[in-house]
Amino acid sequence: MKNLQDAIEKICELKGENMALHTVTSALLQSMHKEQLDRFIAVHAQIAELARVTLINSDLAGESVISSFDLHTQNLSNLARSLR
């Protein structure tokens, strides 16, 4: 039971960290000039593709990790595009 409790606490910690990073990212995107935002969108697409390939080729990342990565990457891209 202790291992389950530790896992639940770690998941909650990771969710909180993820939300904090999302908040910072949203604030940064909203404060960027159009030229900076356009550059961010282009660079983000390149880096996200690299990260996705890394996840796919990793023995440690299962399908749920890749699906979550894809979802959150797309959400971030949509946010950036909506601010143009």
N, C-alpha and C. Protein backbone atom coordinates (compact mmCIF):
# COMPACT_ATOMS: atom_id res chain seq x y z
N MET A 1 0.82 -1.19 0.00
CA MET A 1 0.00 0.00 0.00
C MET A 1 0.87 1.26 0.00
N LYS A 2 2.03 1.20 0.65
CA LYS A 2 2.93 2.36 0.70
C LYS A 2 3.39 2.74 -0.70
N ASN A 3 3.71 1.76 -1.55
CA ASN A 3 4.16 2.04 -2.91
C ASN A 3 3.07 2.73 -3.72
N LEU A 4 1.82 2.31 -3.53
CA LEU A 4 0.70 2.93 -4.23
C LEU A 4 0.55 4.38 -3.79
N GLN A 5 0.65 4.63 -2.50
CA GLN A 5 0.55 6.00 -1.97
C GLN A 5 1.68 6.86 -2.52
N ASP A 6 2.89 6.32 -2.56
CA ASP A 6 4.03 7.06 -3.12
C ASP A 6 3.79 7.39 -4.59
N ALA A 7 3.25 6.43 -5.34
CA ALA A 7 2.97 6.65 -6.76
C ALA A 7 1.91 7.74 -6.94
N ILE A 8 0.87 7.70 -6.14
CA ILE A 8 -0.19 8.71 -6.23
C ILE A 8 0.36 10.09 -5.91
N GLU A 9 1.18 10.19 -4.88
CA GLU A 9 1.79 11.47 -4.52
C GLU A 9 2.69 11.99 -5.63
N LYS A 10 3.44 11.10 -6.26
CA LYS A 10 4.33 11.51 -7.36
C LYS A 10 3.51 11.99 -8.56
N ILE A 11 2.43 11.29 -8.87
CA ILE A 11 1.56 11.70 -9.97
C ILE A 11 0.99 13.09 -9.71
N CYS A 12 0.53 13.33 -8.49
CA CYS A 12 -0.01 14.64 -8.12
C CYS A 12 1.06 15.72 -8.23
N GLU A 13 2.26 15.40 -7.80
CA GLU A 13 3.38 16.34 -7.89
C GLU A 13 3.66 16.69 -9.35
N LEU A 14 3.68 15.68 -10.21
CA LEU A 14 3.94 15.90 -11.63
C LEU A 14 2.82 16.71 -12.29
N LYS A 15 1.58 16.45 -11.90
CA LYS A 15 0.46 17.24 -12.43
C LYS A 15 0.59 18.70 -12.04
N GLY A 16 0.94 18.95 -10.78
CA GLY A 16 1.12 20.32 -10.32
C GLY A 16 2.25 21.02 -11.06
N GLU A 17 3.34 20.31 -11.25
CA GLU A 17 4.48 20.86 -11.99
C GLU A 17 4.08 21.16 -13.43
N ASN A 18 3.34 20.25 -14.04
CA ASN A 18 2.88 20.44 -15.42
C ASN A 18 2.00 21.68 -15.54
N MET A 19 1.09 21.85 -14.59
CA MET A 19 0.20 23.02 -14.63
C MET A 19 0.99 24.31 -14.43
N ALA A 20 1.97 24.29 -13.54
CA ALA A 20 2.80 25.49 -13.32
C ALA A 20 3.57 25.85 -14.59
N LEU A 21 4.14 24.85 -15.26
CA LEU A 21 4.86 25.10 -16.51
C LEU A 21 3.91 25.61 -17.60
N HIS A 22 2.71 25.06 -17.65
CA HIS A 22 1.73 25.52 -18.63
C HIS A 22 1.36 26.98 -18.38
N THR A 23 1.23 27.36 -17.12
CA THR A 23 0.91 28.74 -16.77
C THR A 23 2.03 29.69 -17.20
N VAL A 24 3.27 29.31 -16.92
CA VAL A 24 4.41 30.14 -17.32
C VAL A 24 4.47 30.25 -18.84
N THR A 25 4.29 29.14 -19.53
CA THR A 25 4.34 29.14 -20.99
C THR A 25 3.25 30.04 -21.56
N SER A 26 2.05 29.94 -21.04
CA SER A 26 0.95 30.79 -21.51
C SER A 26 1.27 32.26 -21.32
N ALA A 27 1.81 32.61 -20.17
CA ALA A 27 2.16 34.00 -19.89
C ALA A 27 3.25 34.50 -20.84
N LEU A 28 4.25 33.66 -21.07
CA LEU A 28 5.32 34.04 -22.00
C LEU A 28 4.79 34.24 -23.41
N LEU A 29 3.96 33.33 -23.87
CA LEU A 29 3.40 33.45 -25.21
C LEU A 29 2.56 34.71 -25.35
N GLN A 30 1.76 35.00 -24.35
CA GLN A 30 0.89 36.17 -24.41
C GLN A 30 1.66 37.48 -24.36
N SER A 31 2.89 37.45 -23.87
CA SER A 31 3.68 38.68 -23.78
C SER A 31 4.61 38.87 -24.98
N MET A 32 4.62 37.94 -25.92
CA MET A 32 5.52 38.02 -27.08
C MET A 32 4.95 38.91 -28.18
N HIS A 33 5.88 39.56 -28.89
CA HIS A 33 5.51 40.28 -30.10
C HIS A 33 5.25 39.26 -31.20
N LYS A 34 4.53 39.67 -32.25
CA LYS A 34 4.15 38.76 -33.32
C LYS A 34 5.36 38.04 -33.93
N GLU A 35 6.45 38.77 -34.16
CA GLU A 35 7.64 38.16 -34.76
C GLU A 35 8.22 37.07 -33.85
N GLN A 36 8.26 37.34 -32.57
CA GLN A 36 8.76 36.35 -31.61
C GLN A 36 7.84 35.14 -31.56
N LEU A 37 6.55 35.40 -31.62
CA LEU A 37 5.56 34.31 -31.59
C LEU A 37 5.69 33.43 -32.82
N ASP A 38 5.87 34.06 -33.99
CA ASP A 38 6.06 33.29 -35.22
C ASP A 38 7.31 32.41 -35.13
N ARG A 39 8.38 32.97 -34.59
CA ARG A 39 9.61 32.18 -34.43
C ARG A 39 9.40 31.05 -33.44
N PHE A 40 8.72 31.33 -32.34
CA PHE A 40 8.43 30.29 -31.35
C PHE A 40 7.67 29.14 -32.00
N ILE A 41 6.66 29.46 -32.79
CA ILE A 41 5.83 28.42 -33.42
C ILE A 41 6.69 27.53 -34.31
N ALA A 42 7.58 28.14 -35.09
CA ALA A 42 8.44 27.36 -35.99
C ALA A 42 9.42 26.49 -35.21
N VAL A 43 10.08 27.07 -34.23
CA VAL A 43 11.07 26.32 -33.44
C VAL A 43 10.38 25.23 -32.61
N HIS A 44 9.24 25.55 -32.04
CA HIS A 44 8.50 24.57 -31.24
C HIS A 44 8.15 23.34 -32.09
N ALA A 45 7.71 23.56 -33.31
CA ALA A 45 7.36 22.44 -34.19
C ALA A 45 8.57 21.53 -34.43
N GLN A 46 9.73 22.14 -34.65
CA GLN A 46 10.95 21.35 -34.89
C GLN A 46 11.35 20.56 -33.65
N ILE A 47 11.36 21.22 -32.51
CA ILE A 47 11.79 20.57 -31.27
C ILE A 47 10.78 19.51 -30.84
N ALA A 48 9.50 19.78 -31.04
CA ALA A 48 8.47 18.80 -30.68
C ALA A 48 8.63 17.53 -31.52
N GLU A 49 8.95 17.68 -32.79
CA GLU A 49 9.14 16.51 -33.64
C GLU A 49 10.34 15.69 -33.17
N LEU A 50 11.41 16.37 -32.82
CA LEU A 50 12.59 15.68 -32.28
C LEU A 50 12.26 14.93 -31.00
N ALA A 51 11.53 15.59 -30.11
CA ALA A 51 11.15 14.96 -28.84
C ALA A 51 10.25 13.75 -29.08
N ARG A 52 9.33 13.88 -30.04
CA ARG A 52 8.41 12.77 -30.35
C ARG A 52 9.19 11.55 -30.85
N VAL A 53 10.13 11.79 -31.75
CA VAL A 53 10.96 10.69 -32.26
C VAL A 53 11.74 10.03 -31.12
N THR A 54 12.26 10.85 -30.22
CA THR A 54 12.99 10.32 -29.06
C THR A 54 12.07 9.45 -28.21
N LEU A 55 10.85 9.92 -27.96
CA LEU A 55 9.90 9.13 -27.17
C LEU A 55 9.56 7.81 -27.86
N ILE A 56 9.33 7.87 -29.16
CA ILE A 56 8.96 6.67 -29.91
C ILE A 56 10.08 5.62 -29.83
N ASN A 57 11.32 6.09 -29.87
CA ASN A 57 12.46 5.17 -29.85
C ASN A 57 12.92 4.79 -28.45
N SER A 58 12.24 5.29 -27.43
CA SER A 58 12.62 4.99 -26.05
C SER A 58 11.88 3.77 -25.53
N ASP A 59 12.59 2.93 -24.83
CA ASP A 59 11.96 1.77 -24.21
C ASP A 59 11.14 2.17 -22.98
N LEU A 60 11.40 3.36 -22.46
CA LEU A 60 10.75 3.80 -21.23
C LEU A 60 9.42 4.52 -21.46
N ALA A 61 9.15 4.92 -22.69
CA ALA A 61 7.92 5.68 -22.97
C ALA A 61 6.90 4.77 -23.64
N GLY A 62 5.79 4.58 -22.95
CA GLY A 62 4.72 3.78 -23.51
C GLY A 62 3.80 4.63 -24.37
N GLU A 63 2.80 3.99 -24.93
CA GLU A 63 1.85 4.67 -25.81
C GLU A 63 1.12 5.80 -25.10
N SER A 64 0.82 5.62 -23.83
CA SER A 64 0.10 6.68 -23.10
C SER A 64 0.96 7.93 -22.94
N VAL A 65 2.26 7.77 -22.79
CA VAL A 65 3.16 8.92 -22.69
C VAL A 65 3.20 9.66 -24.02
N ILE A 66 3.32 8.92 -25.10
CA ILE A 66 3.37 9.53 -26.43
C ILE A 66 2.05 10.23 -26.75
N SER A 67 0.94 9.59 -26.43
CA SER A 67 -0.38 10.21 -26.66
C SER A 67 -0.54 11.49 -25.86
N SER A 68 -0.12 11.47 -24.62
CA SER A 68 -0.20 12.66 -23.78
C SER A 68 0.71 13.76 -24.32
N PHE A 69 1.91 13.40 -24.73
CA PHE A 69 2.83 14.37 -25.33
C PHE A 69 2.20 15.00 -26.56
N ASP A 70 1.64 14.18 -27.44
CA ASP A 70 1.00 14.70 -28.66
C ASP A 70 -0.13 15.66 -28.33
N LEU A 71 -0.97 15.29 -27.38
CA LEU A 71 -2.10 16.13 -26.99
C LEU A 71 -1.63 17.48 -26.45
N HIS A 72 -0.69 17.46 -25.53
CA HIS A 72 -0.24 18.71 -24.91
C HIS A 72 0.59 19.56 -25.88
N THR A 73 1.33 18.93 -26.75
CA THR A 73 2.07 19.67 -27.77
C THR A 73 1.11 20.37 -28.72
N GLN A 74 0.06 19.67 -29.13
CA GLN A 74 -0.94 20.27 -30.01
C GLN A 74 -1.67 21.42 -29.31
N ASN A 75 -2.01 21.23 -28.05
CA ASN A 75 -2.67 22.30 -27.29
C ASN A 75 -1.80 23.55 -27.21
N LEU A 76 -0.52 23.37 -26.97
CA LEU A 76 0.40 24.50 -26.90
C LEU A 76 0.53 25.18 -28.26
N SER A 77 0.60 24.40 -29.32
CA SER A 77 0.65 24.96 -30.67
C SER A 77 -0.61 25.76 -30.97
N ASN A 78 -1.75 25.21 -30.60
CA ASN A 78 -3.02 25.91 -30.83
C ASN A 78 -3.07 27.23 -30.07
N LEU A 79 -2.59 27.22 -28.83
CA LEU A 79 -2.56 28.44 -28.03
C LEU A 79 -1.69 29.49 -28.71
N ALA A 80 -0.49 29.10 -29.14
CA ALA A 80 0.42 30.05 -29.78
C ALA A 80 -0.19 30.61 -31.06
N ARG A 81 -0.81 29.75 -31.86
CA ARG A 81 -1.43 30.22 -33.12
C ARG A 81 -2.62 31.14 -32.86
N SER A 82 -3.34 30.90 -31.80
CA SER A 82 -4.51 31.73 -31.50
C SER A 82 -4.12 33.14 -31.07
N LEU A 83 -2.88 33.33 -30.66
CA LEU A 83 -2.42 34.64 -30.20
C LEU A 83 -1.85 35.50 -31.31
N ARG A 84 -1.71 34.95 -32.49
CA ARG A 84 -1.15 35.72 -33.61
C ARG A 84 -2.05 36.85 -33.99
